[in-house]
């Protein structure tokens, strides 16, 4: 990888075009974490977001953050509200054949998960970036276009919230605008996108009801997978396996709770605590990975580079991992001219990305094997589950991958 001098220069176009070291497209966890770290290093940047601030602060998404990611936020001064408000989880529970089977992963590894809804983290990060660290951010932008990413003078044009067309030059552009964003559309033909469709749908639900257990529950059932994920004292996330492309309207509240109660039932455990459903949508489970995650002066991070189905709750964690690596690499280059981090960024990210993809695929086989209609898959699923609870070595290996404490870096 060859880069020009880190010294600022004017992009092609009007001599009066403003120029910044970094333009970040997308105000999700990756973009806002990156922006905050750059601002702390006194590097100017601009964040562009298509939605309103109110929308991104309320949009429900992931909620499980791995311990290494929390420590990374803490080291960068970004974890104060999280540490004060998040819940720590130390175990998960599989329920199959009518019985509960608990994996106490804190006992096995000494580590745990944090449960903190993504919208709360985004609220914290945008407040820190815009209100505390004085970072530039524009909401409700439209028609974002990238120019000259393979040159030494890249630029980003967009229509601002006031309706005016603007052009900003940058030394680097960070594409943090998700799987449907514009930044990944400018990748060259030689970039490779690997895709995997699980052939399974999940009905994603938010229930206005307290959690029914002190941990995440995985129901492996002949009728289909079911999941229970605490989000807050008042709200619980549930998942129900359903046909891909199913209509959420096919799932009235009574049917949802009947299926959840059956698929998550276990001897010695109380029934689920029911409540009104406040969100109901169908996810067709699929993954993709873009390689490489860098093209010229454009660097992708988060879902723009790799989409991971919520099977193992890895998406937000990967976004934070990308942001940490990209921020450190940009700071090293812009302040010291050190190219090492930027040159190795894509490879370093992809090691963890592929590790998480593989674990998600393995876990999907466990979740969905019993309901596949294939007696062979159902039998191997049961064998895998038994191994988890009969072998401390297997349980420890699962805990390591589930917690993200792997050699992936």
Protein backbone atom coordinates (compact mmCIF):
# COMPACT_ATOMS: atom_id res chain seq x y z
CA UNK A 1 0.00 0.00 0.00
CA UNK A 2 1.38 3.42 -0.99
CA UNK A 3 0.19 6.67 0.53
CA UNK A 4 1.05 10.26 -0.23
CA UNK A 5 2.49 12.68 2.29
CA UNK A 6 0.28 13.25 5.32
CA UNK A 7 0.49 17.00 4.74
CA UNK A 8 -2.85 18.53 3.78
CA UNK A 9 -3.43 19.54 0.18
CA UNK A 10 -6.41 20.87 -1.75
CA UNK A 11 -8.67 18.40 -3.54
CA UNK A 12 -9.53 18.77 -7.17
CA UNK A 13 -12.22 21.39 -7.65
CA UNK A 14 -12.60 24.85 -6.15
CA UNK A 15 -9.52 26.20 -4.36
CA UNK A 16 -11.87 27.21 -1.55
CA UNK A 17 -13.03 23.66 -0.85
CA UNK A 18 -12.60 22.90 2.87
CA UNK A 19 -10.33 20.01 3.71
CA UNK A 20 -10.12 17.79 6.76
CA UNK A 21 -7.84 14.92 7.71
CA UNK A 22 -10.76 12.45 7.95
CA UNK A 23 -14.37 12.35 6.79
CA UNK A 24 -16.47 9.61 8.43
CA UNK A 25 -19.62 8.46 6.66
CA UNK A 26 -22.07 6.99 9.16
CA UNK A 27 -22.81 7.72 12.84
CA UNK A 28 -23.15 4.21 14.21
CA UNK A 29 -20.90 2.60 16.83
CA UNK A 30 -17.94 2.32 14.43
CA UNK A 31 -18.13 5.87 13.07
CA UNK A 32 -18.73 7.56 16.41
CA UNK A 33 -16.05 5.55 18.21
CA UNK A 34 -13.58 6.41 15.46
CA UNK A 35 -14.54 10.09 15.58
CA UNK A 36 -14.16 10.28 19.34
CA UNK A 37 -10.71 8.71 19.32
CA UNK A 38 -9.55 11.03 16.55
CA UNK A 39 -10.86 14.09 18.38
CA UNK A 40 -9.05 13.01 21.56
CA UNK A 41 -5.86 13.02 19.48
CA UNK A 42 -6.65 16.55 18.21
CA UNK A 43 -7.34 15.30 14.68
CA UNK A 44 -10.19 17.12 12.98
CA UNK A 45 -12.88 15.06 11.29
CA UNK A 46 -16.43 15.34 10.02
CA UNK A 47 -19.14 12.74 10.57
CA UNK A 48 -21.97 12.55 8.02
CA UNK A 49 -25.22 10.79 8.92
CA UNK A 50 -28.38 10.36 6.85
CA UNK A 51 -30.73 10.06 9.85
CA UNK A 52 -31.60 12.55 12.58
CA UNK A 53 -29.82 12.57 15.91
CA UNK A 54 -33.05 11.58 17.65
CA UNK A 55 -33.44 8.60 15.35
CA UNK A 56 -30.00 7.10 15.89
CA UNK A 57 -30.34 7.61 19.65
CA UNK A 58 -33.56 5.57 19.70
CA UNK A 59 -32.96 2.91 17.00
CA UNK A 60 -32.96 -0.53 18.70
CA UNK A 61 -30.15 -2.83 17.62
CA UNK A 62 -27.62 -5.07 19.32
CA UNK A 63 -27.12 -5.16 23.06
CA UNK A 64 -24.30 -7.57 23.96
CA UNK A 65 -20.78 -6.14 24.29
CA UNK A 66 -17.79 -8.36 24.89
CA UNK A 67 -15.46 -7.57 27.79
CA UNK A 68 -12.43 -6.78 25.62
CA UNK A 69 -14.56 -4.20 23.73
CA UNK A 70 -15.73 -2.56 26.95
CA UNK A 71 -12.12 -2.35 28.13
CA UNK A 72 -11.17 -0.78 24.81
CA UNK A 73 -13.85 1.87 25.25
CA UNK A 74 -12.78 2.43 28.84
CA UNK A 75 -9.14 2.95 27.86
CA UNK A 76 -10.28 5.67 25.45
CA UNK A 77 -12.53 7.45 27.93
CA UNK A 78 -15.75 6.28 26.27
CA UNK A 79 -17.22 3.82 28.76
CA UNK A 80 -18.33 5.97 31.71
CA UNK A 81 -22.13 5.71 31.28
CA UNK A 82 -21.85 2.10 30.11
CA UNK A 83 -19.93 1.01 33.21
CA UNK A 84 -22.43 2.81 35.43
CA UNK A 85 -25.58 1.41 33.82
CA UNK A 86 -24.87 -1.83 31.95
CA UNK A 87 -25.62 -5.27 33.31
CA UNK A 88 -22.93 -7.93 33.51
CA UNK A 89 -23.80 -11.46 32.45
CA UNK A 90 -21.74 -14.43 33.54
CA UNK A 91 -23.62 -17.40 32.05
CA UNK A 92 -25.91 -18.52 29.25
CA UNK A 93 -28.39 -21.38 29.13
CA UNK A 94 -29.33 -23.82 26.40
CA UNK A 95 -32.76 -25.41 26.65
CA UNK A 96 -33.42 -28.57 24.67
CA UNK A 97 -35.32 -31.81 25.14
CA UNK A 98 -37.30 -30.04 27.87
CA UNK A 99 -34.29 -29.50 30.13
CA UNK A 100 -32.06 -26.50 30.97
CA UNK A 101 -28.27 -26.70 30.53
CA UNK A 102 -26.26 -23.78 31.88
CA UNK A 103 -22.78 -22.71 30.76
CA UNK A 104 -21.18 -20.59 33.53
CA UNK A 105 -18.66 -18.91 31.25
CA UNK A 106 -17.39 -16.54 33.93
CA UNK A 107 -16.40 -19.54 36.04
CA UNK A 108 -14.68 -21.08 33.02
CA UNK A 109 -12.81 -18.00 31.80
CA UNK A 110 -12.96 -15.28 34.46
CA UNK A 111 -14.68 -13.01 31.93
CA UNK A 112 -18.24 -11.93 31.22
CA UNK A 113 -20.52 -10.08 28.82
CA UNK A 114 -21.97 -6.61 29.23
CA UNK A 115 -25.58 -5.98 28.19
CA UNK A 116 -26.06 -2.41 27.00
CA UNK A 117 -28.47 -1.64 24.14
CA UNK A 118 -26.76 -0.16 21.11
CA UNK A 119 -28.94 2.94 21.10
CA UNK A 120 -27.67 3.81 24.58
CA UNK A 121 -24.06 3.41 23.47
CA UNK A 122 -24.73 5.53 20.38
CA UNK A 123 -26.35 8.20 22.58
CA UNK A 124 -23.26 8.23 24.81
CA UNK A 125 -20.87 8.36 21.87
CA UNK A 126 -22.64 11.13 19.95
CA UNK A 127 -22.90 13.23 23.11
CA UNK A 128 -19.20 12.75 23.82
CA UNK A 129 -18.21 13.46 20.23
CA UNK A 130 -20.44 16.46 19.46
CA UNK A 131 -21.15 18.04 22.84
CA UNK A 132 -18.00 17.29 24.84
CA UNK A 133 -15.17 16.91 22.35
CA UNK A 134 -16.54 19.43 19.87
CA UNK A 135 -16.53 17.14 16.86
CA UNK A 136 -18.19 18.23 13.63
CA UNK A 137 -21.25 16.19 12.64
CA UNK A 138 -24.05 16.74 10.15
CA UNK A 139 -27.34 14.87 10.35
CA UNK A 140 -29.98 14.33 7.65
CA UNK A 141 -27.52 14.50 4.77
CA UNK A 142 -28.54 13.11 1.38
CA UNK A 143 -26.94 11.90 -1.84
CA UNK A 144 -23.49 11.29 -0.40
CA UNK A 145 -20.91 10.70 -3.12
CA UNK A 146 -17.25 9.75 -2.90
CA UNK A 147 -14.66 11.11 -5.32
CA UNK A 148 -11.07 10.14 -6.04
CA UNK A 149 -10.66 7.45 -3.42
CA UNK A 150 -7.75 6.02 -5.42
CA UNK A 151 -6.01 9.41 -5.63
CA UNK A 152 -4.11 11.51 -3.14
CA UNK A 153 -6.95 14.04 -3.11
CA UNK A 154 -10.19 12.28 -2.18
CA UNK A 155 -13.34 14.26 -1.51
CA UNK A 156 -16.91 13.69 -0.37
CA UNK A 157 -19.91 15.61 -1.68
CA UNK A 158 -23.37 15.60 -0.13
CA UNK A 159 -26.59 17.53 0.21
CA UNK A 160 -26.78 19.03 3.67
CA UNK A 161 -29.89 19.31 5.81
CA UNK A 162 -30.40 22.87 4.58
CA UNK A 163 -30.64 21.61 1.00
CA UNK A 164 -27.28 22.96 -0.12
CA UNK A 165 -24.75 20.84 -1.98
CA UNK A 166 -21.35 20.71 -0.28
CA UNK A 167 -17.91 19.31 -1.10
CA UNK A 168 -15.31 18.43 1.52
CA UNK A 169 -11.79 17.26 0.81
CA UNK A 170 -10.14 14.70 3.05
CA UNK A 171 -6.90 12.86 3.50
CA UNK A 172 -8.94 9.73 4.32
CA UNK A 173 -12.56 8.60 4.21
CA UNK A 174 -13.94 6.06 6.69
CA UNK A 175 -16.94 4.11 5.43
CA UNK A 176 -19.02 3.33 8.52
CA UNK A 177 -22.46 3.59 6.90
CA UNK A 178 -23.65 -0.01 7.13
CA UNK A 179 -24.40 -2.79 4.68
CA UNK A 180 -26.67 -0.59 2.54
CA UNK A 181 -24.46 2.50 2.63
CA UNK A 182 -22.82 4.27 -0.26
CA UNK A 183 -19.19 3.77 0.68
CA UNK A 184 -18.98 0.09 -0.21
CA UNK A 185 -20.48 0.80 -3.65
CA UNK A 186 -17.30 2.54 -4.83
CA UNK A 187 -15.05 -0.47 -4.30
CA UNK A 188 -13.20 -1.60 -7.43
CA UNK A 189 -14.19 -4.65 -9.44
CA UNK A 190 -11.32 -6.66 -7.98
CA UNK A 191 -12.71 -6.36 -4.44
CA UNK A 192 -14.29 -9.64 -3.33
CA UNK A 193 -17.56 -10.02 -1.43
CA UNK A 194 -18.18 -13.44 0.11
CA UNK A 195 -21.81 -14.17 1.00
CA UNK A 196 -23.61 -16.84 2.97
CA UNK A 197 -27.38 -17.28 3.29
CA UNK A 198 -28.49 -19.44 6.21
CA UNK A 199 -31.87 -20.14 4.61
CA UNK A 200 -33.52 -19.28 7.93
CA UNK A 201 -35.66 -16.40 9.14
CA UNK A 202 -35.87 -14.98 12.65
CA UNK A 203 -38.81 -13.01 13.97
CA UNK A 204 -37.08 -10.28 15.98
CA UNK A 205 -39.18 -9.07 18.90
CA UNK A 206 -38.94 -6.51 21.67
CA UNK A 207 -41.27 -7.16 24.57
CA UNK A 208 -42.22 -4.65 27.21
CA UNK A 209 -41.62 -7.25 29.89
CA UNK A 210 -38.84 -7.95 32.40
CA UNK A 211 -36.41 -10.73 31.65
CA UNK A 212 -37.57 -14.24 32.51
CA UNK A 213 -34.08 -15.41 33.48
CA UNK A 214 -30.82 -13.89 34.67
CA UNK A 215 -29.05 -14.74 31.42
CA UNK A 216 -29.41 -15.31 27.69
CA UNK A 217 -31.51 -18.37 26.80
CA UNK A 218 -31.15 -20.46 23.65
CA UNK A 219 -34.10 -22.74 22.90
CA UNK A 220 -33.21 -25.59 20.52
CA UNK A 221 -36.56 -27.12 19.62
CA UNK A 222 -38.07 -29.24 16.82
CA UNK A 223 -40.48 -26.37 16.10
CA UNK A 224 -37.58 -23.96 15.62
CA UNK A 225 -35.06 -21.89 17.52
CA UNK A 226 -36.10 -19.37 20.19
CA UNK A 227 -33.91 -16.85 21.97
CA UNK A 228 -34.31 -14.71 25.10
CA UNK A 229 -31.91 -11.78 25.53
CA UNK A 230 -32.34 -9.33 28.44
CA UNK A 231 -31.96 -5.70 27.37
CA UNK A 232 -33.06 -3.62 30.36
CA UNK A 233 -35.13 -4.10 33.53
CA UNK A 234 -38.26 -3.34 31.50
CA UNK A 235 -37.50 -4.69 28.01
CA UNK A 236 -36.46 -8.10 26.69
CA UNK A 237 -35.35 -9.10 23.21
CA UNK A 238 -36.75 -12.35 21.83
CA UNK A 239 -36.14 -14.24 18.61
CA UNK A 240 -38.31 -16.91 16.99
CA UNK A 241 -37.22 -18.98 14.00
CA UNK A 242 -39.65 -18.56 11.11
CA UNK A 243 -39.66 -19.06 7.34
CA UNK A 244 -37.43 -16.61 5.43
CA UNK A 245 -39.43 -13.67 4.13
CA UNK A 246 -42.33 -14.36 6.48
CA UNK A 247 -44.77 -11.54 7.14
CA UNK A 248 -44.64 -10.25 10.74
CA UNK A 249 -48.42 -9.90 10.56
CA UNK A 250 -48.58 -13.69 10.51
CA UNK A 251 -47.42 -13.56 14.11
CA UNK A 252 -50.07 -11.99 16.37
CA UNK A 253 -49.11 -11.57 19.99
CA UNK A 254 -50.94 -14.68 21.21
CA UNK A 255 -49.15 -16.87 18.67
CA UNK A 256 -45.77 -15.34 19.50
CA UNK A 257 -46.07 -16.00 23.22
CA UNK A 258 -47.43 -19.51 22.71
CA UNK A 259 -44.40 -20.40 20.56
CA UNK A 260 -41.93 -18.74 22.92
CA UNK A 261 -43.41 -20.52 25.93
CA UNK A 262 -43.20 -23.90 24.18
CA UNK A 263 -39.74 -23.53 22.63
CA UNK A 264 -38.14 -22.16 25.81
CA UNK A 265 -39.91 -24.43 28.30
CA UNK A 266 -37.64 -26.42 30.62
CA UNK A 267 -38.14 -28.58 33.69
CA UNK A 268 -37.67 -26.62 36.90
CA UNK A 269 -37.87 -23.23 35.18
CA UNK A 270 -40.84 -20.84 35.46
CA UNK A 271 -42.82 -19.80 32.38
CA UNK A 272 -41.77 -16.65 30.56
CA UNK A 273 -43.02 -13.30 31.81
CA UNK A 274 -45.24 -11.95 29.03
CA UNK A 275 -45.87 -8.36 27.99
CA UNK A 276 -46.83 -6.17 25.01
CA UNK A 277 -44.69 -6.52 21.89
CA UNK A 278 -43.23 -3.14 20.94
CA UNK A 279 -41.21 -4.33 17.92
CA UNK A 280 -41.80 -7.14 15.45
CA UNK A 281 -39.81 -7.67 12.25
CA UNK A 282 -38.45 -10.60 10.25
CA UNK A 283 -34.73 -11.01 9.65
CA UNK A 284 -33.54 -13.23 6.81
CA UNK A 285 -30.24 -14.46 8.22
CA UNK A 286 -27.24 -13.93 5.99
CA UNK A 287 -23.62 -12.79 6.19
CA UNK A 288 -21.17 -11.09 3.87
CA UNK A 289 -17.52 -10.15 4.07
CA UNK A 290 -15.76 -7.59 1.86
CA UNK A 291 -12.09 -8.15 1.09
CA UNK A 292 -10.04 -6.07 1.32
CA UNK A 293 -11.56 -3.53 3.71
CA UNK A 294 -9.46 -0.72 2.22
CA UNK A 295 -9.23 0.87 -1.22
CA UNK A 296 -6.87 3.79 -1.74
CA UNK A 297 -7.88 6.42 0.81
CA UNK A 298 -11.14 4.67 1.73
CA UNK A 299 -11.28 2.37 4.76
CA UNK A 300 -14.42 0.40 5.61
CA UNK A 301 -15.49 -0.42 9.16
CA UNK A 302 -18.42 -2.23 10.76
CA UNK A 303 -21.34 -3.50 8.68
CA UNK A 304 -20.07 -1.64 5.61
CA UNK A 305 -17.28 -4.23 5.50
CA UNK A 306 -18.87 -7.31 7.03
CA UNK A 307 -22.42 -8.17 7.93
CA UNK A 308 -22.83 -10.77 10.65
CA UNK A 309 -26.26 -12.20 11.41
CA UNK A 310 -27.27 -11.79 15.09
CA UNK A 311 -26.73 -15.50 15.72
CA UNK A 312 -23.78 -14.96 18.09
CA UNK A 313 -24.22 -11.23 18.89
CA UNK A 314 -20.96 -10.30 17.18
CA UNK A 315 -21.85 -7.36 14.91
CA UNK A 316 -21.39 -4.42 17.28
CA UNK A 317 -18.26 -5.98 18.73
CA UNK A 318 -16.68 -6.27 15.29
CA UNK A 319 -17.59 -2.65 14.57
CA UNK A 320 -15.79 -1.53 17.73
CA UNK A 321 -12.77 -3.69 16.90
CA UNK A 322 -12.53 -2.07 13.46
CA UNK A 323 -12.86 1.41 14.95
CA UNK A 324 -10.10 0.84 17.49
CA UNK A 325 -7.68 -0.44 14.85
CA UNK A 326 -8.54 2.22 12.27
CA UNK A 327 -8.32 5.07 14.77
CA UNK A 328 -4.91 3.97 16.02
CA UNK A 329 -3.67 3.52 12.43
CA UNK A 330 -4.90 6.94 11.30
CA UNK A 331 -3.43 8.68 14.32
CA UNK A 332 -0.06 6.99 13.77
CA UNK A 333 -0.01 8.07 10.14
CA UNK A 334 -1.36 11.60 10.52
CA UNK A 335 0.84 12.48 13.50
CA UNK A 336 4.00 10.45 12.84
CA UNK A 337 3.83 9.37 9.21
CA UNK A 338 3.82 5.71 10.31
CA UNK A 339 2.12 3.66 7.60
CA UNK A 340 2.25 0.30 9.39
CA UNK A 341 -1.24 0.34 10.88
CA UNK A 342 -2.99 1.47 7.71
CA UNK A 343 -1.11 -1.05 5.58
CA UNK A 344 -2.11 -3.89 7.87
CA UNK A 345 -5.61 -2.66 8.78
CA UNK A 346 -7.63 -4.91 6.48
CA UNK A 347 -5.74 -8.10 7.32
CA UNK A 348 -5.85 -7.39 11.06
CA UNK A 349 -9.61 -6.82 10.99
CA UNK A 350 -10.39 -9.78 8.78
CA UNK A 351 -8.67 -12.26 11.09
CA UNK A 352 -11.28 -11.56 13.75
CA UNK A 353 -14.09 -11.17 11.21
CA UNK A 354 -13.57 -14.65 9.80
CA UNK A 355 -13.17 -16.17 13.24
CA UNK A 356 -16.53 -14.70 14.28
CA UNK A 357 -18.12 -15.77 11.00
CA UNK A 358 -17.03 -19.35 11.56
CA UNK A 359 -18.36 -19.38 15.13
CA UNK A 360 -21.68 -17.93 13.97
CA UNK A 361 -22.00 -20.65 11.36
CA UNK A 362 -21.24 -23.35 13.94
CA UNK A 363 -23.76 -21.88 16.35
CA UNK A 364 -26.38 -21.66 13.60
CA UNK A 365 -26.00 -25.38 12.99
CA UNK A 366 -26.66 -25.95 16.71
CA UNK A 367 -29.64 -23.59 16.84
CA UNK A 368 -31.38 -24.85 13.72
CA UNK A 369 -30.43 -28.51 13.40
CA UNK A 370 -33.30 -29.84 15.51
CA UNK A 371 -35.89 -28.10 13.32
CA UNK A 372 -34.24 -28.84 9.96
CA UNK A 373 -36.45 -31.84 9.20
CA UNK A 374 -33.27 -33.83 8.63
CA UNK A 375 -32.82 -36.64 11.19
CA UNK A 376 -29.07 -36.68 10.56
CA UNK A 377 -28.70 -32.95 11.32
CA UNK A 378 -30.94 -33.33 14.36
CA UNK A 379 -28.75 -36.17 15.63
CA UNK A 380 -25.47 -34.30 15.15
CA UNK A 381 -27.01 -31.23 16.82
CA UNK A 382 -27.85 -33.28 19.89
CA UNK A 383 -24.32 -34.74 19.90
CA UNK A 384 -22.79 -31.24 19.84
CA UNK A 385 -24.98 -30.08 22.69
CA UNK A 386 -24.20 -33.11 24.81
CA UNK A 387 -20.50 -32.56 24.25
CA UNK A 388 -20.79 -29.00 25.57
CA UNK A 389 -22.18 -30.25 28.86
CA UNK A 390 -20.23 -33.47 29.20
CA UNK A 391 -16.78 -32.07 28.42
CA UNK A 392 -15.23 -29.19 30.39
CA UNK A 393 -12.77 -28.74 27.51
CA UNK A 394 -15.60 -28.32 24.99
CA UNK A 395 -17.43 -25.94 27.34
CA UNK A 396 -14.27 -23.88 27.80
CA UNK A 397 -13.67 -23.67 24.05
CA UNK A 398 -17.26 -22.55 23.51
CA UNK A 399 -16.95 -19.92 26.25
CA UNK A 400 -13.76 -18.55 24.70
CA UNK A 401 -15.39 -18.09 21.30
CA UNK A 402 -18.67 -16.83 22.72
CA UNK A 403 -16.82 -14.16 24.71
CA UNK A 404 -14.63 -13.22 21.75
CA UNK A 405 -11.41 -14.00 23.61
CA UNK A 406 -9.70 -15.67 20.67
CA UNK A 407 -6.28 -15.47 19.05
CA UNK A 408 -7.87 -13.34 16.33
CA UNK A 409 -6.43 -10.18 17.90
